[in-house]
Amino acid sequence: MQQGAAQLTQALYRSLQKISDATDLRQPYFESIVLDTLGFPFMIVAQRTWEFAVAYGALERAGVLDGHRVGISFGAGFERLLYALSRRVKRLHAIDLYEEHSIWDEARAGDARAELAPRAPIPWNPDTVEIARMDMRSLDFPDQMFDFAYSISSLEHIGEREDFIAHLREARRVLKPGGVYVLTTTLVLLPETIRQAGCLLFAEPELRELIREGGFATPGPLDFRLSGDVGNTPSFPKGALELPMFVDEIFVPRMQV
């Protein structure tokens, strides 16, 4: 990638390098993605809606949804975004730890391929999707196969530090030079990462360090601004105020050049 192209890529992503904000979904561009592309019957101001819409927007801005690119979805499950993207790619490989007794609803499937069509929430293109049970830390794909990758709130569930680095290095290995990896994950507004069973709540410094060690570079500083939109008003169950605040964010790392 030439220097000018790299600078353009950074500019395209900068506005999406941020924490989630309900106001984003009020913008006509993202509202259209939610209603027309993702096929929601009405605007649902929710965390998952934001993640799907902004990730789709990031991929579209990267120019990889032109119908000629090959992508990979990590922790794909049977999520709505997978079906929406199937209409805009040459091929999309969906991987997850699919199994009949998975603790994750989205990955609970004895035969993942057989369940793709019955679970489709919107029209999709079955000819472009390949689905497989695979570990994100060890990918059974050749080097430089994919134009793009994405994951939605999957990174934090991989394991420990070495597991995250293993996944990111594998993601970098299978991406073509100049390829992009769009991801969302959970961020705590604290100086240190919170480690829980089966899930890490990342502090920004450690997350950035992991991304660098994995061979990626982030385009710039994270935007922590949050609007006064009513959709950002949290509701706390009993005892929740004793827990640290956390928010979902989107990072759009790019290949180092």
Protein backbone atom coordinates (compact mmCIF):
# COMPACT_ATOMS: atom_id res chain seq x y z
CA MET A 1 0.00 0.00 0.00
CA GLN A 2 1.40 3.39 -0.98
CA GLN A 3 1.69 6.14 1.64
CA GLY A 4 -1.12 8.21 0.10
CA ALA A 5 -3.48 5.23 0.09
CA ALA A 6 -2.61 4.45 3.70
CA GLN A 7 -3.38 8.02 4.73
CA LEU A 8 -6.72 7.86 2.92
CA THR A 9 -7.56 4.60 4.69
CA GLN A 10 -6.84 6.21 8.06
CA ALA A 11 -9.06 9.18 7.23
CA LEU A 12 -11.94 6.90 6.24
CA TYR A 13 -11.78 4.99 9.50
CA ARG A 14 -11.04 7.80 11.94
CA SER A 15 -14.70 8.66 12.54
CA LEU A 16 -15.43 5.01 13.39
CA GLN A 17 -12.57 4.55 15.86
CA LYS A 18 -14.85 5.20 18.80
CA ILE A 19 -17.06 4.06 21.61
CA SER A 20 -20.65 3.31 20.77
CA ASP A 21 -23.12 6.19 20.75
CA ALA A 22 -26.86 5.96 20.07
CA THR A 23 -26.61 9.17 18.06
CA ASP A 24 -24.66 7.28 15.39
CA LEU A 25 -27.82 5.30 14.60
CA ARG A 26 -29.76 8.54 14.02
CA GLN A 27 -27.50 9.44 11.09
CA PRO A 28 -29.21 8.76 7.73
CA TYR A 29 -26.30 6.60 6.52
CA PHE A 30 -26.39 4.22 9.50
CA GLU A 31 -30.19 4.37 9.73
CA SER A 32 -30.34 3.14 6.14
CA ILE A 33 -27.96 0.27 6.97
CA VAL A 34 -30.14 -0.77 9.94
CA LEU A 35 -33.46 -0.61 8.09
CA ASP A 36 -32.62 -1.33 4.46
CA THR A 37 -29.49 -3.49 4.59
CA LEU A 38 -29.80 -5.35 7.89
CA GLY A 39 -33.55 -5.55 7.45
CA PHE A 40 -34.72 -4.55 10.90
CA PRO A 41 -38.45 -3.71 10.74
CA PHE A 42 -37.89 -0.51 12.73
CA MET A 43 -34.98 1.30 14.35
CA ILE A 44 -33.77 -0.64 17.37
CA VAL A 45 -31.39 1.50 19.40
CA ALA A 46 -29.37 -1.30 20.96
CA GLN A 47 -25.75 -2.27 21.32
CA ARG A 48 -25.83 -5.10 18.80
CA THR A 49 -27.60 -2.94 16.25
CA TRP A 50 -24.85 -0.33 16.57
CA GLU A 51 -22.12 -2.94 16.19
CA PHE A 52 -23.64 -4.45 13.06
CA ALA A 53 -24.33 -1.09 11.43
CA VAL A 54 -20.97 0.51 12.14
CA ALA A 55 -19.01 -2.62 11.19
CA TYR A 56 -20.92 -2.81 7.90
CA GLY A 57 -20.24 0.88 7.33
CA ALA A 58 -16.53 0.42 8.02
CA LEU A 59 -16.29 -2.41 5.51
CA GLU A 60 -18.21 -0.42 2.93
CA ARG A 61 -15.96 2.60 3.40
CA ALA A 62 -12.95 0.33 2.97
CA GLY A 63 -14.23 -0.55 -0.49
CA VAL A 64 -14.37 -4.29 0.13
CA LEU A 65 -18.11 -4.74 -0.47
CA ASP A 66 -17.95 -4.47 -4.26
CA GLY A 67 -18.94 -8.07 -4.93
CA HIS A 68 -15.40 -9.14 -5.90
CA ARG A 69 -13.74 -9.63 -2.51
CA VAL A 70 -13.21 -12.59 -0.21
CA GLY A 71 -13.73 -12.12 3.53
CA ILE A 72 -13.71 -14.05 6.78
CA SER A 73 -15.95 -13.68 9.82
CA PHE A 74 -14.51 -14.72 13.19
CA GLY A 75 -17.05 -15.94 15.74
CA ALA A 76 -19.68 -15.60 13.03
CA GLY A 77 -22.49 -17.62 14.58
CA PHE A 78 -25.65 -17.03 12.56
CA GLU A 79 -25.74 -13.29 13.03
CA ARG A 80 -27.71 -10.92 10.85
CA LEU A 81 -24.57 -9.18 9.61
CA LEU A 82 -23.32 -12.41 8.04
CA TYR A 83 -26.45 -12.66 5.88
CA ALA A 84 -26.34 -9.00 4.89
CA LEU A 85 -22.71 -9.26 3.78
CA SER A 86 -23.39 -12.39 1.74
CA ARG A 87 -25.03 -10.16 -0.88
CA ARG A 88 -21.96 -7.92 -1.27
CA VAL A 89 -19.02 -10.35 -1.53
CA LYS A 90 -17.53 -12.93 -3.85
CA ARG A 91 -17.03 -15.32 -0.93
CA LEU A 92 -17.45 -15.09 2.84
CA HIS A 93 -16.00 -17.74 5.14
CA ALA A 94 -17.83 -17.92 8.48
CA ILE A 95 -16.03 -19.68 11.30
CA ASP A 96 -17.01 -20.35 14.89
CA LEU A 97 -16.85 -23.15 17.47
CA TYR A 98 -20.12 -24.55 16.19
CA GLU A 99 -21.38 -27.47 18.21
CA GLU A 100 -24.71 -28.86 19.29
CA HIS A 101 -24.26 -28.07 22.98
CA SER A 102 -22.42 -24.75 22.72
CA ILE A 103 -22.98 -22.30 25.58
CA TRP A 104 -23.43 -19.61 22.93
CA ASP A 105 -26.85 -19.51 21.27
CA GLU A 106 -25.38 -18.14 18.05
CA ALA A 107 -22.95 -21.06 17.72
CA ARG A 108 -25.25 -23.86 18.88
CA ALA A 109 -25.55 -26.11 15.85
CA GLY A 110 -24.91 -29.77 15.13
CA ASP A 111 -24.70 -29.12 11.38
CA ALA A 112 -23.93 -25.45 10.86
CA ARG A 113 -24.27 -25.57 7.08
CA ALA A 114 -27.73 -27.13 7.29
CA GLU A 115 -28.90 -24.43 9.67
CA LEU A 116 -27.73 -21.43 7.65
CA ALA A 117 -30.89 -21.14 5.56
CA PRO A 118 -33.46 -21.84 8.30
CA ARG A 119 -31.89 -19.19 10.52
CA ALA A 120 -31.69 -16.48 7.85
CA PRO A 121 -33.51 -13.36 9.13
CA ILE A 122 -33.28 -11.54 5.78
CA PRO A 123 -32.79 -12.39 2.09
CA TRP A 124 -29.23 -13.58 1.46
CA ASN A 125 -26.98 -15.26 -1.09
CA PRO A 126 -26.25 -18.85 -0.04
CA ASP A 127 -23.82 -19.30 -2.92
CA THR A 128 -21.25 -16.95 -1.38
CA VAL A 129 -21.08 -18.35 2.18
CA GLU A 130 -18.81 -21.12 3.42
CA ILE A 131 -19.26 -22.11 7.06
CA ALA A 132 -16.95 -24.22 9.21
CA ARG A 133 -16.07 -25.11 12.78
CA MET A 134 -12.64 -23.61 13.37
CA ASP A 135 -10.55 -22.10 16.17
CA MET A 136 -9.76 -18.40 15.67
CA ARG A 137 -6.25 -19.02 17.02
CA SER A 138 -5.34 -21.56 14.35
CA LEU A 139 -6.79 -20.91 10.91
CA ASP A 140 -6.83 -23.59 8.25
CA PHE A 141 -6.37 -21.13 5.38
CA PRO A 142 -3.36 -20.20 3.25
CA ASP A 143 -1.44 -16.94 3.63
CA GLN A 144 -2.89 -13.76 2.13
CA MET A 145 -6.22 -15.29 1.17
CA PHE A 146 -8.64 -12.62 2.39
CA ASP A 147 -9.35 -9.02 1.49
CA PHE A 148 -11.05 -8.36 4.83
CA ALA A 149 -11.96 -9.86 8.18
CA TYR A 150 -14.40 -8.89 10.87
CA SER A 151 -15.57 -9.99 14.31
CA ILE A 152 -18.39 -8.71 16.50
CA SER A 153 -17.74 -8.93 20.24
CA SER A 154 -15.78 -12.16 19.85
CA LEU A 155 -12.22 -11.09 20.63
CA GLU A 156 -12.80 -10.78 24.38
CA HIS A 157 -13.86 -14.44 24.65
CA ILE A 158 -10.79 -16.09 23.08
CA GLY A 159 -8.81 -16.72 26.27
CA GLU A 160 -5.71 -15.11 27.73
CA ARG A 161 -3.03 -12.80 26.41
CA GLU A 162 -1.20 -15.40 24.34
CA ASP A 163 -4.52 -16.50 22.80
CA PHE A 164 -5.34 -12.97 21.65
CA ILE A 165 -1.92 -12.50 20.11
CA ALA A 166 -2.14 -15.91 18.40
CA HIS A 167 -5.48 -14.96 16.86
CA LEU A 168 -4.34 -11.54 15.68
CA ARG A 169 -1.18 -12.96 14.13
CA GLU A 170 -3.24 -15.58 12.34
CA ALA A 171 -5.66 -12.90 11.13
CA ARG A 172 -2.74 -10.87 9.81
CA ARG A 173 -1.26 -13.94 8.12
CA VAL A 174 -4.40 -14.74 6.13
CA LEU A 175 -5.11 -11.12 5.14
CA LYS A 176 -3.74 -9.75 1.90
CA PRO A 177 -1.37 -6.76 2.08
CA GLY A 178 -3.59 -3.75 2.68
CA GLY A 179 -6.40 -5.95 4.02
CA VAL A 180 -8.56 -4.69 6.87
CA TYR A 181 -9.84 -6.27 10.05
CA VAL A 182 -12.93 -4.58 11.48
CA LEU A 183 -13.76 -5.56 15.03
CA THR A 184 -15.84 -4.57 18.02
CA THR A 185 -15.03 -5.54 21.57
CA THR A 186 -15.67 -4.47 25.16
CA LEU A 187 -13.73 -1.64 26.77
CA VAL A 188 -13.63 -0.73 30.46
CA LEU A 189 -13.00 2.88 31.38
CA LEU A 190 -10.32 1.83 33.82
CA PRO A 191 -6.51 1.70 33.74
CA GLU A 192 -6.38 -2.11 33.82
CA THR A 193 -8.18 -4.93 32.04
CA ILE A 194 -10.73 -6.90 34.07
CA ARG A 195 -10.30 -10.65 33.75
CA GLN A 196 -13.39 -12.78 34.18
CA ALA A 197 -14.03 -16.43 33.43
CA GLY A 198 -14.52 -16.71 29.69
CA CYS A 199 -14.33 -12.98 29.04
CA LEU A 200 -11.87 -10.11 29.27
CA LEU A 201 -13.03 -6.51 29.61
CA PHE A 202 -10.18 -4.62 27.97
CA ALA A 203 -8.56 -1.44 29.19
CA GLU A 204 -7.54 0.63 26.18
CA PRO A 205 -3.75 0.50 26.78
CA GLU A 206 -3.66 -3.31 26.90
CA LEU A 207 -5.95 -3.66 23.89
CA ARG A 208 -3.75 -1.39 21.80
CA GLU A 209 -0.67 -3.29 22.92
CA LEU A 210 -2.23 -6.62 21.92
CA ILE A 211 -3.18 -5.24 18.51
CA ARG A 212 0.38 -4.03 17.92
CA GLU A 213 1.90 -7.33 19.04
CA GLY A 214 -0.50 -9.10 16.71
CA GLY A 215 0.98 -7.17 13.78
CA PHE A 216 -1.71 -4.53 13.26
CA ALA A 217 -1.72 -0.78 13.67
CA THR A 218 -4.73 1.29 14.75
CA PRO A 219 -5.48 4.44 12.73
CA GLY A 220 -5.50 6.95 15.55
CA PRO A 221 -6.81 7.90 18.99
CA LEU A 222 -10.08 6.50 20.23
CA ASP A 223 -13.02 8.92 20.35
CA PHE A 224 -14.48 8.77 23.86
CA ARG A 225 -17.10 11.44 23.27
CA LEU A 226 -20.66 10.47 24.15
CA SER A 227 -23.72 12.49 23.22
CA GLY A 228 -26.70 13.27 25.42
CA ASP A 229 -28.93 10.99 23.33
CA VAL A 230 -31.54 9.27 25.48
CA GLY A 231 -30.43 5.97 23.98
CA ASN A 232 -27.17 6.31 25.91
CA THR A 233 -28.94 6.45 29.28
CA PRO A 234 -28.06 3.26 31.15
CA SER A 235 -30.55 1.30 33.23
CA PHE A 236 -29.00 -0.45 36.20
CA PRO A 237 -30.27 -3.67 37.73
CA LYS A 238 -29.98 -4.01 41.49
CA GLY A 239 -26.34 -4.04 42.56
CA ALA A 240 -25.01 -3.00 39.17
CA LEU A 241 -23.66 0.31 40.41
CA GLU A 242 -21.04 -1.65 42.32
CA LEU A 243 -19.55 -2.81 39.00
CA PRO A 244 -17.16 -0.82 36.79
CA MET A 245 -18.67 0.91 33.79
CA PHE A 246 -17.87 -0.60 30.41
CA VAL A 247 -18.79 0.26 26.84
CA ASP A 248 -18.46 -1.43 23.50
CA GLU A 249 -16.22 0.17 20.93
CA ILE A 250 -15.12 -0.39 17.41
CA PHE A 251 -11.48 -0.63 16.34
CA VAL A 252 -10.51 -0.80 12.70
CA PRO A 253 -6.88 -1.95 12.58
CA ARG A 254 -5.08 -1.96 9.24
CA MET A 255 -2.17 -4.01 7.97
CA GLN A 256 1.19 -2.50 8.86
CA VAL A 257 3.09 -1.36 5.77
